[in-house]
Amino acid sequence: MTKEPFRFDPDELLQHEIVIDKLDAARRQLESAITIFFDNGDVVSQHTLISAAHGIVYDLAQQRGVGGSIKDSPLVSTENRAGFINKIHLPQNFFKHGRADAGTKLAFRYQVSPFYLFDALRLYVLLAGAATEVMRVFLVWFQLRYPDLFCYPAAEEDLKRVRGDTTDPEVFKAVGKVLLRGLLRGDEA
């Protein structure tokens, strides 16, 4: 008897697997969020991936004594820290739970997502020891767009020239998209 090719086979569902650790899961989520960012994809999906990855790298950083997250910022007073973190977690909790707030709506200020992504990337790099190529594309964009917040001195001279010839910061995102597409296709830089 021959097996029919389009029938449900429960054994087939369990046939393949990958084994990953927490840091690899965070890397995958961060790289997917970066791809969505440069593709101008869905901001809710992007933020959900960023939040999941941030949760992993933040917990790992806490366990390994690595600090420096926005959640631990000395700029936030101790008495306001819990409220601050609740505000950070509000969108991610809204996007993944429905029991307590099923009938509510959220005014999602999605332009904060790249900053949360930057915070997650910073923790990832501190834990892993290096950024991936995909992460570096985002970091170049971030430095182009926000040189007052992030500066990798070795790149700044070149990036300053790019900034000097550009009046629209959206151009930086287009540059990032081209770089990312080249990486994903395997083009030589």
C-alpha atoms as a PDB file:
ATOM      1  CA  MET A   1       0.000   0.000   0.000  1.00  0.00           C
ATOM      2  CA  THR A   2       1.417   3.369  -0.971  1.00  0.00           C
ATOM      3  CA  LYS A   3       1.278   6.314   1.322  1.00  0.00           C
ATOM      4  CA  GLU A   4      -0.913   9.174   0.096  1.00  0.00           C
ATOM      5  CA  PRO A   5       1.180  12.379  -0.147  1.00  0.00           C
ATOM      6  CA  PHE A   6      -1.419  14.811   1.196  1.00  0.00           C
ATOM      7  CA  ARG A   7      -2.745  13.086   4.269  1.00  0.00           C
ATOM      8  CA  PHE A   8      -2.120  14.087   7.852  1.00  0.00           C
ATOM      9  CA  ASP A   9       0.702  12.064   9.356  1.00  0.00           C
ATOM     10  CA  PRO A  10       1.337  12.745  13.063  1.00  0.00           C
ATOM     11  CA  ASP A  11       4.728  10.999  12.921  1.00  0.00           C
ATOM     12  CA  GLU A  12       5.848  13.447  10.242  1.00  0.00           C
ATOM     13  CA  LEU A  13       5.209  16.352  12.623  1.00  0.00           C
ATOM     14  CA  LEU A  14       7.719  14.970  15.110  1.00  0.00           C
ATOM     15  CA  GLN A  15      10.294  13.867  12.557  1.00  0.00           C
ATOM     16  CA  HIS A  16      12.483  16.998  12.464  1.00  0.00           C
ATOM     17  CA  GLU A  17      13.994  19.018  15.269  1.00  0.00           C
ATOM     18  CA  ILE A  18      16.597  21.623  16.038  1.00  0.00           C
ATOM     19  CA  VAL A  19      18.396  21.994  19.329  1.00  0.00           C
ATOM     20  CA  ILE A  20      19.107  25.556  20.388  1.00  0.00           C
ATOM     21  CA  ASP A  21      20.106  27.321  23.549  1.00  0.00           C
ATOM     22  CA  LYS A  22      18.602  30.515  24.946  1.00  0.00           C
ATOM     23  CA  LEU A  23      21.198  32.812  23.383  1.00  0.00           C
ATOM     24  CA  ASP A  24      20.649  31.256  19.957  1.00  0.00           C
ATOM     25  CA  ALA A  25      16.890  31.695  20.363  1.00  0.00           C
ATOM     26  CA  ALA A  26      17.452  35.370  21.188  1.00  0.00           C
ATOM     27  CA  ARG A  27      19.781  35.754  18.182  1.00  0.00           C
ATOM     28  CA  ARG A  28      17.161  34.321  15.852  1.00  0.00           C
ATOM     29  CA  GLN A  29      14.451  36.576  17.269  1.00  0.00           C
ATOM     30  CA  LEU A  30      16.665  39.674  17.064  1.00  0.00           C
ATOM     31  CA  GLU A  31      17.716  38.961  13.478  1.00  0.00           C
ATOM     32  CA  SER A  32      14.100  38.361  12.473  1.00  0.00           C
ATOM     33  CA  ALA A  33      13.059  41.628  14.133  1.00  0.00           C
ATOM     34  CA  ILE A  34      15.845  43.456  12.271  1.00  0.00           C
ATOM     35  CA  THR A  35      14.675  41.993   8.970  1.00  0.00           C
ATOM     36  CA  ILE A  36      11.095  43.083   9.696  1.00  0.00           C
ATOM     37  CA  PHE A  37      12.375  46.542  10.663  1.00  0.00           C
ATOM     38  CA  PHE A  38      14.252  47.103   7.401  1.00  0.00           C
ATOM     39  CA  ASP A  39      11.371  45.655   5.368  1.00  0.00           C
ATOM     40  CA  ASN A  40       8.988  48.131   7.041  1.00  0.00           C
ATOM     41  CA  GLY A  41       7.016  45.099   8.172  1.00  0.00           C
ATOM     42  CA  ASP A  42       4.427  44.740  10.887  1.00  0.00           C
ATOM     43  CA  VAL A  43       5.386  46.782  13.957  1.00  0.00           C
ATOM     44  CA  VAL A  44       3.468  44.529  16.365  1.00  0.00           C
ATOM     45  CA  SER A  45       5.258  41.376  15.168  1.00  0.00           C
ATOM     46  CA  GLN A  46       8.568  43.214  15.263  1.00  0.00           C
ATOM     47  CA  HIS A  47       8.028  44.420  18.830  1.00  0.00           C
ATOM     48  CA  THR A  48       6.863  40.988  19.965  1.00  0.00           C
ATOM     49  CA  LEU A  49      10.110  39.428  18.688  1.00  0.00           C
ATOM     50  CA  ILE A  50      12.203  42.198  20.248  1.00  0.00           C
ATOM     51  CA  SER A  51      10.429  41.766  23.582  1.00  0.00           C
ATOM     52  CA  ALA A  52      10.887  37.994  23.606  1.00  0.00           C
ATOM     53  CA  ALA A  53      14.586  38.321  22.787  1.00  0.00           C
ATOM     54  CA  HIS A  54      15.038  41.111  25.312  1.00  0.00           C
ATOM     55  CA  GLY A  55      13.464  38.924  27.984  1.00  0.00           C
ATOM     56  CA  ILE A  56      15.981  36.173  27.278  1.00  0.00           C
ATOM     57  CA  VAL A  57      19.108  38.331  27.121  1.00  0.00           C
ATOM     58  CA  TYR A  58      18.045  40.416  30.111  1.00  0.00           C
ATOM     59  CA  ASP A  59      17.523  37.300  32.251  1.00  0.00           C
ATOM     60  CA  LEU A  60      20.819  35.776  31.081  1.00  0.00           C
ATOM     61  CA  ALA A  61      22.608  39.059  31.762  1.00  0.00           C
ATOM     62  CA  GLN A  62      21.155  39.203  35.272  1.00  0.00           C
ATOM     63  CA  GLN A  63      22.301  35.619  35.942  1.00  0.00           C
ATOM     64  CA  ARG A  64      25.824  36.369  34.665  1.00  0.00           C
ATOM     65  CA  GLY A  65      26.189  39.713  36.419  1.00  0.00           C
ATOM     66  CA  VAL A  66      26.070  41.742  33.197  1.00  0.00           C
ATOM     67  CA  GLY A  67      24.367  45.088  33.614  1.00  0.00           C
ATOM     68  CA  GLY A  68      23.591  48.104  31.546  1.00  0.00           C
ATOM     69  CA  SER A  69      20.044  47.539  30.322  1.00  0.00           C
ATOM     70  CA  ILE A  70      17.640  50.429  30.114  1.00  0.00           C
ATOM     71  CA  LYS A  71      15.671  48.572  32.794  1.00  0.00           C
ATOM     72  CA  ASP A  72      18.601  49.087  35.184  1.00  0.00           C
ATOM     73  CA  SER A  73      19.368  52.671  34.190  1.00  0.00           C
ATOM     74  CA  PRO A  74      20.619  54.891  36.991  1.00  0.00           C
ATOM     75  CA  LEU A  75      18.539  57.640  35.355  1.00  0.00           C
ATOM     76  CA  VAL A  76      15.398  55.925  36.679  1.00  0.00           C
ATOM     77  CA  SER A  77      14.930  56.363  40.410  1.00  0.00           C
ATOM     78  CA  THR A  78      14.504  53.298  42.580  1.00  0.00           C
ATOM     79  CA  GLU A  79      11.007  54.358  43.619  1.00  0.00           C
ATOM     80  CA  ASN A  80       9.914  54.742  39.970  1.00  0.00           C
ATOM     81  CA  ARG A  81      11.662  51.655  38.563  1.00  0.00           C
ATOM     82  CA  ALA A  82       8.717  49.230  38.892  1.00  0.00           C
ATOM     83  CA  GLY A  83       6.350  51.643  37.138  1.00  0.00           C
ATOM     84  CA  PHE A  84       8.953  52.314  34.439  1.00  0.00           C
ATOM     85  CA  ILE A  85       9.418  48.593  33.756  1.00  0.00           C
ATOM     86  CA  ASN A  86       5.628  48.083  33.724  1.00  0.00           C
ATOM     87  CA  LYS A  87       5.394  50.763  31.002  1.00  0.00           C
ATOM     88  CA  ILE A  88       8.121  48.996  29.004  1.00  0.00           C
ATOM     89  CA  HIS A  89       6.308  45.669  29.354  1.00  0.00           C
ATOM     90  CA  LEU A  90       2.834  47.028  28.593  1.00  0.00           C
ATOM     91  CA  PRO A  91       2.930  46.497  24.791  1.00  0.00           C
ATOM     92  CA  GLN A  92       4.542  43.061  24.976  1.00  0.00           C
ATOM     93  CA  ASN A  93       2.024  41.871  27.550  1.00  0.00           C
ATOM     94  CA  PHE A  94      -0.844  43.298  25.504  1.00  0.00           C
ATOM     95  CA  PHE A  95       0.429  41.479  22.394  1.00  0.00           C
ATOM     96  CA  LYS A  96       0.738  38.076  24.047  1.00  0.00           C
ATOM     97  CA  HIS A  97      -2.081  37.846  26.596  1.00  0.00           C
ATOM     98  CA  GLY A  98      -5.835  38.263  26.286  1.00  0.00           C
ATOM     99  CA  ARG A  99      -7.391  37.028  29.483  1.00  0.00           C
ATOM    100  CA  ALA A 100      -7.433  40.127  31.692  1.00  0.00           C
ATOM    101  CA  ASP A 101      -7.764  42.832  29.035  1.00  0.00           C
ATOM    102  CA  ALA A 102      -9.729  41.176  26.225  1.00  0.00           C
ATOM    103  CA  GLY A 103     -11.910  44.179  25.433  1.00  0.00           C
ATOM    104  CA  THR A 104      -9.258  46.879  25.618  1.00  0.00           C
ATOM    105  CA  LYS A 105      -7.188  48.675  23.016  1.00  0.00           C
ATOM    106  CA  LEU A 106      -3.597  49.881  23.166  1.00  0.00           C
ATOM    107  CA  ALA A 107      -2.186  53.066  21.683  1.00  0.00           C
ATOM    108  CA  PHE A 108       1.129  51.516  20.665  1.00  0.00           C
ATOM    109  CA  ARG A 109       3.940  54.009  20.229  1.00  0.00           C
ATOM    110  CA  TYR A 110       5.961  51.781  17.952  1.00  0.00           C
ATOM    111  CA  GLN A 111       8.793  54.200  17.250  1.00  0.00           C
ATOM    112  CA  VAL A 112      10.277  53.202  20.599  1.00  0.00           C
ATOM    113  CA  SER A 113      10.899  49.650  19.272  1.00  0.00           C
ATOM    114  CA  PRO A 114      14.279  50.419  17.638  1.00  0.00           C
ATOM    115  CA  PHE A 115      15.554  51.717  20.986  1.00  0.00           C
ATOM    116  CA  TYR A 116      14.378  48.566  22.755  1.00  0.00           C
ATOM    117  CA  LEU A 117      16.004  46.541  19.966  1.00  0.00           C
ATOM    118  CA  PHE A 118      19.240  48.449  20.492  1.00  0.00           C
ATOM    119  CA  ASP A 119      19.088  47.664  24.222  1.00  0.00           C
ATOM    120  CA  ALA A 120      18.550  43.958  23.488  1.00  0.00           C
ATOM    121  CA  LEU A 121      21.400  43.941  20.959  1.00  0.00           C
ATOM    122  CA  ARG A 122      23.735  45.560  23.436  1.00  0.00           C
ATOM    123  CA  LEU A 123      22.968  42.855  26.012  1.00  0.00           C
ATOM    124  CA  TYR A 124      23.322  40.150  23.357  1.00  0.00           C
ATOM    125  CA  VAL A 125      26.769  41.434  22.359  1.00  0.00           C
ATOM    126  CA  LEU A 126      27.881  41.587  25.984  1.00  0.00           C
ATOM    127  CA  LEU A 127      26.776  37.970  26.460  1.00  0.00           C
ATOM    128  CA  ALA A 128      27.896  36.493  23.130  1.00  0.00           C
ATOM    129  CA  GLY A 129      31.039  38.556  22.714  1.00  0.00           C
ATOM    130  CA  ALA A 130      30.164  39.862  19.246  1.00  0.00           C
ATOM    131  CA  ALA A 131      27.338  41.040  17.038  1.00  0.00           C
ATOM    132  CA  THR A 132      26.289  39.050  13.990  1.00  0.00           C
ATOM    133  CA  GLU A 133      26.493  40.632  10.535  1.00  0.00           C
ATOM    134  CA  VAL A 134      22.730  41.236  10.546  1.00  0.00           C
ATOM    135  CA  MET A 135      23.015  42.956  13.920  1.00  0.00           C
ATOM    136  CA  ARG A 136      25.881  45.101  12.629  1.00  0.00           C
ATOM    137  CA  VAL A 137      23.647  46.414   9.838  1.00  0.00           C
ATOM    138  CA  PHE A 138      21.139  47.600  12.426  1.00  0.00           C
ATOM    139  CA  LEU A 139      23.908  49.116  14.553  1.00  0.00           C
ATOM    140  CA  VAL A 140      25.226  51.038  11.531  1.00  0.00           C
ATOM    141  CA  TRP A 141      21.718  52.343  10.892  1.00  0.00           C
ATOM    142  CA  PHE A 142      21.355  53.285  14.566  1.00  0.00           C
ATOM    143  CA  GLN A 143      24.643  55.185  14.543  1.00  0.00           C
ATOM    144  CA  LEU A 144      23.711  56.931  11.302  1.00  0.00           C
ATOM    145  CA  ARG A 145      20.301  57.899  12.653  1.00  0.00           C
ATOM    146  CA  TYR A 146      21.216  58.648  16.275  1.00  0.00           C
ATOM    147  CA  PRO A 147      24.907  59.624  16.444  1.00  0.00           C
ATOM    148  CA  ASP A 148      24.255  61.472  19.691  1.00  0.00           C
ATOM    149  CA  LEU A 149      23.169  58.207  21.366  1.00  0.00           C
ATOM    150  CA  PHE A 150      25.555  55.646  19.886  1.00  0.00           C
ATOM    151  CA  CYS A 151      28.982  56.071  18.409  1.00  0.00           C
ATOM    152  CA  TYR A 152      31.450  53.422  17.361  1.00  0.00           C
ATOM    153  CA  PRO A 153      34.458  55.693  16.747  1.00  0.00           C
ATOM    154  CA  ALA A 154      36.068  53.449  14.114  1.00  0.00           C
ATOM    155  CA  ALA A 155      33.017  53.892  11.866  1.00  0.00           C
ATOM    156  CA  GLU A 156      32.131  57.477  12.670  1.00  0.00           C
ATOM    157  CA  GLU A 157      34.304  59.231  10.058  1.00  0.00           C
ATOM    158  CA  ASP A 158      32.710  57.279   7.207  1.00  0.00           C
ATOM    159  CA  LEU A 159      29.228  57.576   8.653  1.00  0.00           C
ATOM    160  CA  LYS A 160      29.680  61.311   9.168  1.00  0.00           C
ATOM    161  CA  ARG A 161      30.231  61.652   5.404  1.00  0.00           C
ATOM    162  CA  VAL A 162      27.044  59.703   4.694  1.00  0.00           C
ATOM    163  CA  ARG A 163      25.150  61.872   7.170  1.00  0.00           C
ATOM    164  CA  GLY A 164      26.581  65.034   5.620  1.00  0.00           C
ATOM    165  CA  ASP A 165      25.170  64.181   2.190  1.00  0.00           C
ATOM    166  CA  THR A 166      21.720  63.230   3.471  1.00  0.00           C
ATOM    167  CA  THR A 167      18.790  65.369   4.527  1.00  0.00           C
ATOM    168  CA  ASP A 168      16.200  62.603   4.989  1.00  0.00           C
ATOM    169  CA  PRO A 169      16.973  60.049   7.751  1.00  0.00           C
ATOM    170  CA  GLU A 170      14.746  57.494   5.975  1.00  0.00           C
ATOM    171  CA  VAL A 171      17.592  57.181   3.470  1.00  0.00           C
ATOM    172  CA  PHE A 172      19.610  55.522   6.232  1.00  0.00           C
ATOM    173  CA  LYS A 173      16.945  52.837   6.520  1.00  0.00           C
ATOM    174  CA  ALA A 174      17.095  52.275   2.755  1.00  0.00           C
ATOM    175  CA  VAL A 175      20.877  51.883   3.003  1.00  0.00           C
ATOM    176  CA  GLY A 176      20.407  49.376   5.825  1.00  0.00           C
ATOM    177  CA  LYS A 177      17.851  47.456   3.787  1.00  0.00           C
ATOM    178  CA  VAL A 178      20.272  47.189   0.842  1.00  0.00           C
ATOM    179  CA  LEU A 179      23.091  46.016   3.133  1.00  0.00           C
ATOM    180  CA  LEU A 180      20.836  43.471   4.807  1.00  0.00           C
ATOM    181  CA  ARG A 181      19.523  42.112   1.502  1.00  0.00           C
ATOM    182  CA  GLY A 182      23.107  41.692   0.299  1.00  0.00           C
ATOM    183  CA  LEU A 183      23.985  39.759   3.449  1.00  0.00           C
ATOM    184  CA  LEU A 184      20.960  37.503   3.215  1.00  0.00           C
ATOM    185  CA  ARG A 185      21.674  36.784  -0.479  1.00  0.00           C
ATOM    186  CA  GLY A 186      25.340  36.186   0.317  1.00  0.00           C
ATOM    187  CA  ASP A 187      26.667  39.065  -1.808  1.00  0.00           C
ATOM    188  CA  GLU A 188      30.217  40.206  -1.263  1.00  0.00           C
ATOM    189  CA  ALA A 189      30.402  43.561   0.475  1.00  0.00           C
END
